[in-house]
Amino acid sequence: MFKKSYFILAFLIFVVFVGIGDRILPEPMKSASLNTRKTINKNLIGLFPTRESKLKPHERTRKAIEEAEKNK
């Protein structure tokens, strides 16, 4: 029972540290909180591959402009 509540308390403290620690903590902990959040964001974003669109929305327009310029 106590182990579960300690885990929940530690998790909540960690979330507050990462979430708003850079605004409320003094300087050594402020930069640690900011660096931790940046590292977590970078790792989470790195999990998902970058998606390149198969469609090129401006390709048709560019070709039409080039064709119109050739016909002038």
PDB file of N, CA and C in Angstrom:
ATOM      1  N   MET A   1       0.823  -1.188   0.000  1.00  0.00           N
ATOM      2  CA  MET A   1       0.000   0.000   0.000  1.00  0.00           C
ATOM      3  C   MET A   1       0.869   1.253   0.000  1.00  0.00           C
ATOM      4  N   PHE A   2       1.858   1.287   0.901  1.00  0.00           N
ATOM      5  CA  PHE A   2       2.707   2.471   0.993  1.00  0.00           C
ATOM      6  C   PHE A   2       3.623   2.609  -0.222  1.00  0.00           C
ATOM      7  N   LYS A   3       4.058   1.497  -0.770  1.00  0.00           N
ATOM      8  CA  LYS A   3       4.935   1.557  -1.931  1.00  0.00           C
ATOM      9  C   LYS A   3       4.223   2.197  -3.110  1.00  0.00           C
ATOM     10  N   LYS A   4       2.951   1.880  -3.284  1.00  0.00           N
ATOM     11  CA  LYS A   4       2.188   2.450  -4.392  1.00  0.00           C
ATOM     12  C   LYS A   4       2.006   3.954  -4.192  1.00  0.00           C
ATOM     13  N   SER A   5       1.708   4.366  -2.986  1.00  0.00           N
ATOM     14  CA  SER A   5       1.508   5.794  -2.743  1.00  0.00           C
ATOM     15  C   SER A   5       2.828   6.561  -2.871  1.00  0.00           C
ATOM     16  N   TYR A   6       3.952   5.960  -2.482  1.00  0.00           N
ATOM     17  CA  TYR A   6       5.248   6.607  -2.666  1.00  0.00           C
ATOM     18  C   TYR A   6       5.579   6.749  -4.148  1.00  0.00           C
ATOM     19  N   PHE A   7       5.242   5.734  -4.914  1.00  0.00           N
ATOM     20  CA  PHE A   7       5.476   5.793  -6.354  1.00  0.00           C
ATOM     21  C   PHE A   7       4.648   6.907  -6.988  1.00  0.00           C
ATOM     22  N   ILE A   8       3.393   7.003  -6.612  1.00  0.00           N
ATOM     23  CA  ILE A   8       2.518   8.051  -7.151  1.00  0.00           C
ATOM     24  C   ILE A   8       3.037   9.428  -6.750  1.00  0.00           C
ATOM     25  N   LEU A   9       3.452   9.585  -5.507  1.00  0.00           N
ATOM     26  CA  LEU A   9       3.995  10.860  -5.038  1.00  0.00           C
ATOM     27  C   LEU A   9       5.274  11.232  -5.796  1.00  0.00           C
ATOM     28  N   ALA A  10       6.167  10.271  -5.978  1.00  0.00           N
ATOM     29  CA  ALA A  10       7.406  10.535  -6.713  1.00  0.00           C
ATOM     30  C   ALA A  10       7.110  10.896  -8.166  1.00  0.00           C
ATOM     31  N   PHE A  11       6.150  10.226  -8.769  1.00  0.00           N
ATOM     32  CA  PHE A  11       5.771  10.522 -10.152  1.00  0.00           C
ATOM     33  C   PHE A  11       5.197  11.931 -10.264  1.00  0.00           C
ATOM     34  N   LEU A  12       4.343  12.322  -9.336  1.00  0.00           N
ATOM     35  CA  LEU A  12       3.762  13.662  -9.365  1.00  0.00           C
ATOM     36  C   LEU A  12       4.826  14.742  -9.161  1.00  0.00           C
ATOM     37  N   ILE A  13       5.762  14.493  -8.269  1.00  0.00           N
ATOM     38  CA  ILE A  13       6.853  15.447  -8.054  1.00  0.00           C
ATOM     39  C   ILE A  13       7.691  15.580  -9.321  1.00  0.00           C
ATOM     40  N   PHE A  14       7.949  14.465  -9.993  1.00  0.00           N
ATOM     41  CA  PHE A  14       8.708  14.503 -11.242  1.00  0.00           C
ATOM     42  C   PHE A  14       7.966  15.280 -12.321  1.00  0.00           C
ATOM     43  N   VAL A  15       6.659  15.069 -12.433  1.00  0.00           N
ATOM     44  CA  VAL A  15       5.861  15.781 -13.436  1.00  0.00           C
ATOM     45  C   VAL A  15       5.877  17.283 -13.158  1.00  0.00           C
ATOM     46  N   VAL A  16       5.744  17.671 -11.905  1.00  0.00           N
ATOM     47  CA  VAL A  16       5.790  19.097 -11.552  1.00  0.00           C
ATOM     48  C   VAL A  16       7.187  19.653 -11.822  1.00  0.00           C
ATOM     49  N   PHE A  17       8.216  18.895 -11.492  1.00  0.00           N
ATOM     50  CA  PHE A  17       9.594  19.328 -11.742  1.00  0.00           C
ATOM     51  C   PHE A  17       9.828  19.581 -13.227  1.00  0.00           C
ATOM     52  N   VAL A  18       9.376  18.664 -14.060  1.00  0.00           N
ATOM     53  CA  VAL A  18       9.576  18.813 -15.502  1.00  0.00           C
ATOM     54  C   VAL A  18       8.641  19.873 -16.070  1.00  0.00           C
ATOM     55  N   GLY A  19       7.412  19.898 -15.601  1.00  0.00           N
ATOM     56  CA  GLY A  19       6.415  20.797 -16.176  1.00  0.00           C
ATOM     57  C   GLY A  19       6.623  22.261 -15.867  1.00  0.00           C
ATOM     58  N   ILE A  20       6.804  22.595 -14.601  1.00  0.00           N
ATOM     59  CA  ILE A  20       6.891  24.013 -14.238  1.00  0.00           C
ATOM     60  C   ILE A  20       8.103  24.333 -13.372  1.00  0.00           C
ATOM     61  N   GLY A  21       9.047  23.424 -13.307  1.00  0.00           N
ATOM     62  CA  GLY A  21      10.227  23.642 -12.470  1.00  0.00           C
ATOM     63  C   GLY A  21      11.078  24.811 -12.899  1.00  0.00           C
ATOM     64  N   ASP A  22      11.126  25.079 -14.207  1.00  0.00           N
ATOM     65  CA  ASP A  22      11.968  26.181 -14.671  1.00  0.00           C
ATOM     66  C   ASP A  22      11.374  27.540 -14.338  1.00  0.00           C
ATOM     67  N   ARG A  23      10.144  27.586 -13.886  1.00  0.00           N
ATOM     68  CA  ARG A  23       9.518  28.864 -13.517  1.00  0.00           C
ATOM     69  C   ARG A  23       9.540  29.123 -12.014  1.00  0.00           C
ATOM     70  N   ILE A  24       9.583  28.061 -11.210  1.00  0.00           N
ATOM     71  CA  ILE A  24       9.424  28.259  -9.767  1.00  0.00           C
ATOM     72  C   ILE A  24      10.649  27.885  -8.948  1.00  0.00           C
ATOM     73  N   LEU A  25      11.593  27.155  -9.516  1.00  0.00           N
ATOM     74  CA  LEU A  25      12.751  26.702  -8.754  1.00  0.00           C
ATOM     75  C   LEU A  25      13.914  27.682  -8.884  1.00  0.00           C
ATOM     76  N   PRO A  26      14.860  27.658  -7.916  1.00  0.00           N
ATOM     77  CA  PRO A  26      16.056  28.493  -8.039  1.00  0.00           C
ATOM     78  C   PRO A  26      16.966  27.979  -9.162  1.00  0.00           C
ATOM     79  N   GLU A  27      17.976  28.737  -9.487  1.00  0.00           N
ATOM     80  CA  GLU A  27      18.755  28.552 -10.713  1.00  0.00           C
ATOM     81  C   GLU A  27      19.348  27.162 -10.949  1.00  0.00           C
ATOM     82  N   PRO A  28      20.040  26.516 -10.054  1.00  0.00           N
ATOM     83  CA  PRO A  28      20.603  25.211 -10.454  1.00  0.00           C
ATOM     84  C   PRO A  28      19.519  24.203 -10.847  1.00  0.00           C
ATOM     85  N   MET A  29      18.417  24.213 -10.127  1.00  0.00           N
ATOM     86  CA  MET A  29      17.332  23.276 -10.434  1.00  0.00           C
ATOM     87  C   MET A  29      16.523  23.753 -11.633  1.00  0.00           C
ATOM     88  N   LYS A  30      16.492  25.051 -11.857  1.00  0.00           N
ATOM     89  CA  LYS A  30      15.750  25.616 -12.993  1.00  0.00           C
ATOM     90  C   LYS A  30      16.323  25.104 -14.307  1.00  0.00           C
ATOM     91  N   SER A  31      17.636  25.178 -14.449  1.00  0.00           N
ATOM     92  CA  SER A  31      18.257  24.720 -15.694  1.00  0.00           C
ATOM     93  C   SER A  31      18.163  23.202 -15.828  1.00  0.00           C
ATOM     94  N   ALA A  32      18.222  22.477 -14.717  1.00  0.00           N
ATOM     95  CA  ALA A  32      18.075  21.024 -14.773  1.00  0.00           C
ATOM     96  C   ALA A  32      16.677  20.642 -15.238  1.00  0.00           C
ATOM     97  N   SER A  33      15.674  21.352 -14.771  1.00  0.00           N
ATOM     98  CA  SER A  33      14.300  21.091 -15.185  1.00  0.00           C
ATOM     99  C   SER A  33      14.119  21.368 -16.672  1.00  0.00           C
ATOM    100  N   LEU A  34      14.657  22.478 -17.131  1.00  0.00           N
ATOM    101  CA  LEU A  34      14.541  22.841 -18.545  1.00  0.00           C
ATOM    102  C   LEU A  34      15.264  21.830 -19.428  1.00  0.00           C
ATOM    103  N   ASN A  35      16.462  21.429 -19.035  1.00  0.00           N
ATOM    104  CA  ASN A  35      17.212  20.440 -19.815  1.00  0.00           C
ATOM    105  C   ASN A  35      16.510  19.092 -19.832  1.00  0.00           C
ATOM    106  N   THR A  36      15.911  18.705 -18.706  1.00  0.00           N
ATOM    107  CA  THR A  36      15.178  17.446 -18.649  1.00  0.00           C
ATOM    108  C   THR A  36      13.990  17.474 -19.591  1.00  0.00           C
ATOM    109  N   ARG A  37      13.252  18.570 -19.594  1.00  0.00           N
ATOM    110  CA  ARG A  37      12.090  18.680 -20.478  1.00  0.00           C
ATOM    111  C   ARG A  37      12.511  18.653 -21.945  1.00  0.00           C
ATOM    112  N   LYS A  38      13.589  19.355 -22.282  1.00  0.00           N
ATOM    113  CA  LYS A  38      14.069  19.357 -23.666  1.00  0.00           C
ATOM    114  C   LYS A  38      14.506  17.960 -24.097  1.00  0.00           C
ATOM    115  N   THR A  39      15.179  17.243 -23.205  1.00  0.00           N
ATOM    116  CA  THR A  39      15.633  15.893 -23.528  1.00  0.00           C
ATOM    117  C   THR A  39      14.457  14.951 -23.728  1.00  0.00           C
ATOM    118  N   ILE A  40      13.458  15.039 -22.861  1.00  0.00           N
ATOM    119  CA  ILE A  40      12.272  14.191 -22.999  1.00  0.00           C
ATOM    120  C   ILE A  40      11.551  14.507 -24.298  1.00  0.00           C
ATOM    121  N   ASN A  41      11.378  15.784 -24.616  1.00  0.00           N
ATOM    122  CA  ASN A  41      10.714  16.166 -25.863  1.00  0.00           C
ATOM    123  C   ASN A  41      11.483  15.654 -27.073  1.00  0.00           C
ATOM    124  N   LYS A  42      12.794  15.808 -27.057  1.00  0.00           N
ATOM    125  CA  LYS A  42      13.616  15.367 -28.181  1.00  0.00           C
ATOM    126  C   LYS A  42      13.497  13.858 -28.377  1.00  0.00           C
ATOM    127  N   ASN A  43      13.521  13.105 -27.293  1.00  0.00           N
ATOM    128  CA  ASN A  43      13.421  11.650 -27.399  1.00  0.00           C
ATOM    129  C   ASN A  43      12.038  11.206 -27.848  1.00  0.00           C
ATOM    130  N   LEU A  44      10.998  11.863 -27.363  1.00  0.00           N
ATOM    131  CA  LEU A  44       9.647  11.489 -27.783  1.00  0.00           C
ATOM    132  C   LEU A  44       9.403  11.829 -29.248  1.00  0.00           C
ATOM    133  N   ILE A  45       9.903  12.965 -29.691  1.00  0.00           N
ATOM    134  CA  ILE A  45       9.741  13.336 -31.097  1.00  0.00           C
ATOM    135  C   ILE A  45      10.555  12.393 -31.980  1.00  0.00           C
ATOM    136  N   GLY A  46      11.690  11.937 -31.497  1.00  0.00           N
ATOM    137  CA  GLY A  46      12.527  11.016 -32.258  1.00  0.00           C
ATOM    138  C   GLY A  46      11.908   9.640 -32.438  1.00  0.00           C
ATOM    139  N   LEU A  47      10.911   9.301 -31.651  1.00  0.00           N
ATOM    140  CA  LEU A  47      10.255   8.001 -31.795  1.00  0.00           C
ATOM    141  C   LEU A  47       9.435   7.906 -33.072  1.00  0.00           C
ATOM    142  N   PHE A  48       8.947   9.039 -33.545  1.00  0.00           N
ATOM    143  CA  PHE A  48       8.076   9.052 -34.711  1.00  0.00           C
ATOM    144  C   PHE A  48       8.871   9.490 -35.937  1.00  0.00           C
ATOM    145  N   PRO A  49       8.788   8.730 -37.019  1.00  0.00           N
ATOM    146  CA  PRO A  49       9.529   9.121 -38.221  1.00  0.00           C
ATOM    147  C   PRO A  49       8.924  10.365 -38.857  1.00  0.00           C
ATOM    148  N   THR A  50       9.770  11.096 -39.563  1.00  0.00           N
ATOM    149  CA  THR A  50       9.263  12.273 -40.260  1.00  0.00           C
ATOM    150  C   THR A  50       8.475  11.807 -41.472  1.00  0.00           C
ATOM    151  N   ARG A  51       7.356  12.424 -41.677  1.00  0.00           N
ATOM    152  CA  ARG A  51       6.468  12.017 -42.758  1.00  0.00           C
ATOM    153  C   ARG A  51       6.640  12.980 -43.918  1.00  0.00           C
ATOM    154  N   GLU A  52       7.004  12.430 -45.054  1.00  0.00           N
ATOM    155  CA  GLU A  52       7.113  13.239 -46.250  1.00  0.00           C
ATOM    156  C   GLU A  52       5.875  13.000 -47.093  1.00  0.00           C
ATOM    157  N   SER A  53       5.279  14.061 -47.510  1.00  0.00           N
ATOM    158  CA  SER A  53       4.057  13.974 -48.292  1.00  0.00           C
ATOM    159  C   SER A  53       4.368  13.459 -49.691  1.00  0.00           C
ATOM    160  N   LYS A  54       3.543  12.539 -50.160  1.00  0.00           N
ATOM    161  CA  LYS A  54       3.699  12.038 -51.520  1.00  0.00           C
ATOM    162  C   LYS A  54       3.170  13.052 -52.525  1.00  0.00           C
ATOM    163  N   LEU A  55       2.280  13.887 -52.074  1.00  0.00           N
ATOM    164  CA  LEU A  55       1.721  14.910 -52.941  1.00  0.00           C
ATOM    165  C   LEU A  55       2.599  16.150 -52.901  1.00  0.00           C
ATOM    166  N   LYS A  56       2.739  16.763 -54.032  1.00  0.00           N
ATOM    167  CA  LYS A  56       3.487  18.020 -54.108  1.00  0.00           C
ATOM    168  C   LYS A  56       2.496  19.082 -54.551  1.00  0.00           C
ATOM    169  N   PRO A  57       1.946  19.832 -53.617  1.00  0.00           N
ATOM    170  CA  PRO A  57       0.834  20.729 -53.941  1.00  0.00           C
ATOM    171  C   PRO A  57       1.208  21.869 -54.879  1.00  0.00           C
ATOM    172  N   HIS A  58       2.451  22.283 -54.900  1.00  0.00           N
ATOM    173  CA  HIS A  58       2.830  23.425 -55.727  1.00  0.00           C
ATOM    174  C   HIS A  58       3.422  23.003 -57.072  1.00  0.00           C
ATOM    175  N   GLU A  59       3.622  21.717 -57.258  1.00  0.00           N
ATOM    176  CA  GLU A  59       4.236  21.231 -58.492  1.00  0.00           C
ATOM    177  C   GLU A  59       3.389  21.562 -59.716  1.00  0.00           C
ATOM    178  N   ARG A  60       2.110  21.295 -59.650  1.00  0.00           N
ATOM    179  CA  ARG A  60       1.222  21.551 -60.786  1.00  0.00           C
ATOM    180  C   ARG A  60       1.158  23.047 -61.099  1.00  0.00           C
ATOM    181  N   THR A  61       1.105  23.873 -60.068  1.00  0.00           N
ATOM    182  CA  THR A  61       1.049  25.325 -60.266  1.00  0.00           C
ATOM    183  C   THR A  61       2.339  25.830 -60.901  1.00  0.00           C
ATOM    184  N   ARG A  62       3.475  25.343 -60.420  1.00  0.00           N
ATOM    185  CA  ARG A  62       4.756  25.771 -60.963  1.00  0.00           C
ATOM    186  C   ARG A  62       4.880  25.380 -62.439  1.00  0.00           C
ATOM    187  N   LYS A  63       4.433  24.173 -62.774  1.00  0.00           N
ATOM    188  CA  LYS A  63       4.477  23.739 -64.172  1.00  0.00           C
ATOM    189  C   LYS A  63       3.559  24.588 -65.039  1.00  0.00           C
ATOM    190  N   ALA A  64       2.400  24.936 -64.526  1.00  0.00           N
ATOM    191  CA  ALA A  64       1.469  25.769 -65.290  1.00  0.00           C
ATOM    192  C   ALA A  64       2.051  27.161 -65.525  1.00  0.00           C
ATOM    193  N   ILE A  65       2.731  27.713 -64.537  1.00  0.00           N
ATOM    194  CA  ILE A  65       3.352  29.035 -64.691  1.00  0.00           C
ATOM    195  C   ILE A  65       4.481  28.969 -65.714  1.00  0.00           C
ATOM    196  N   GLU A  66       5.302  27.930 -65.630  1.00  0.00           N
ATOM    197  CA  GLU A  66       6.390  27.782 -66.597  1.00  0.00           C
ATOM    198  C   GLU A  66       5.844  27.622 -68.012  1.00  0.00           C
ATOM    199  N   GLU A  67       4.786  26.846 -68.161  1.00  0.00           N
ATOM    200  CA  GLU A  67       4.170  26.642 -69.471  1.00  0.00           C
ATOM    201  C   GLU A  67       3.592  27.954 -70.010  1.00  0.00           C
ATOM    202  N   ALA A  68       2.972  28.732 -69.139  1.00  0.00           N
ATOM    203  CA  ALA A  68       2.399  30.009 -69.561  1.00  0.00           C
ATOM    204  C   ALA A  68       3.496  30.989 -69.975  1.00  0.00           C
ATOM    205  N   GLU A  69       4.633  30.958 -69.280  1.00  0.00           N
ATOM    206  CA  GLU A  69       5.739  31.841 -69.634  1.00  0.00           C
ATOM    207  C   GLU A  69       6.374  31.444 -70.962  1.00  0.00           C
ATOM    208  N   LYS A  70       6.398  30.151 -71.254  1.00  0.00           N
ATOM    209  CA  LYS A  70       6.953  29.688 -72.523  1.00  0.00           C
ATOM    210  C   LYS A  70       6.072  30.118 -73.692  1.00  0.00           C
ATOM    211  N   ASN A  71       4.762  30.134 -73.476  1.00  0.00           N
ATOM    212  CA  ASN A  71       3.817  30.466 -74.546  1.00  0.00           C
ATOM    213  C   ASN A  71       3.758  31.959 -74.837  1.00  0.00           C
ATOM    214  N   LYS A  72       4.302  32.790 -73.998  1.00  0.00           N
ATOM    215  CA  LYS A  72       4.239  34.252 -74.217  1.00  0.00           C
ATOM    216  C   LYS A  72       5.171  34.698 -75.279  1.00  0.00           C
TER     217      LYS A  72
END
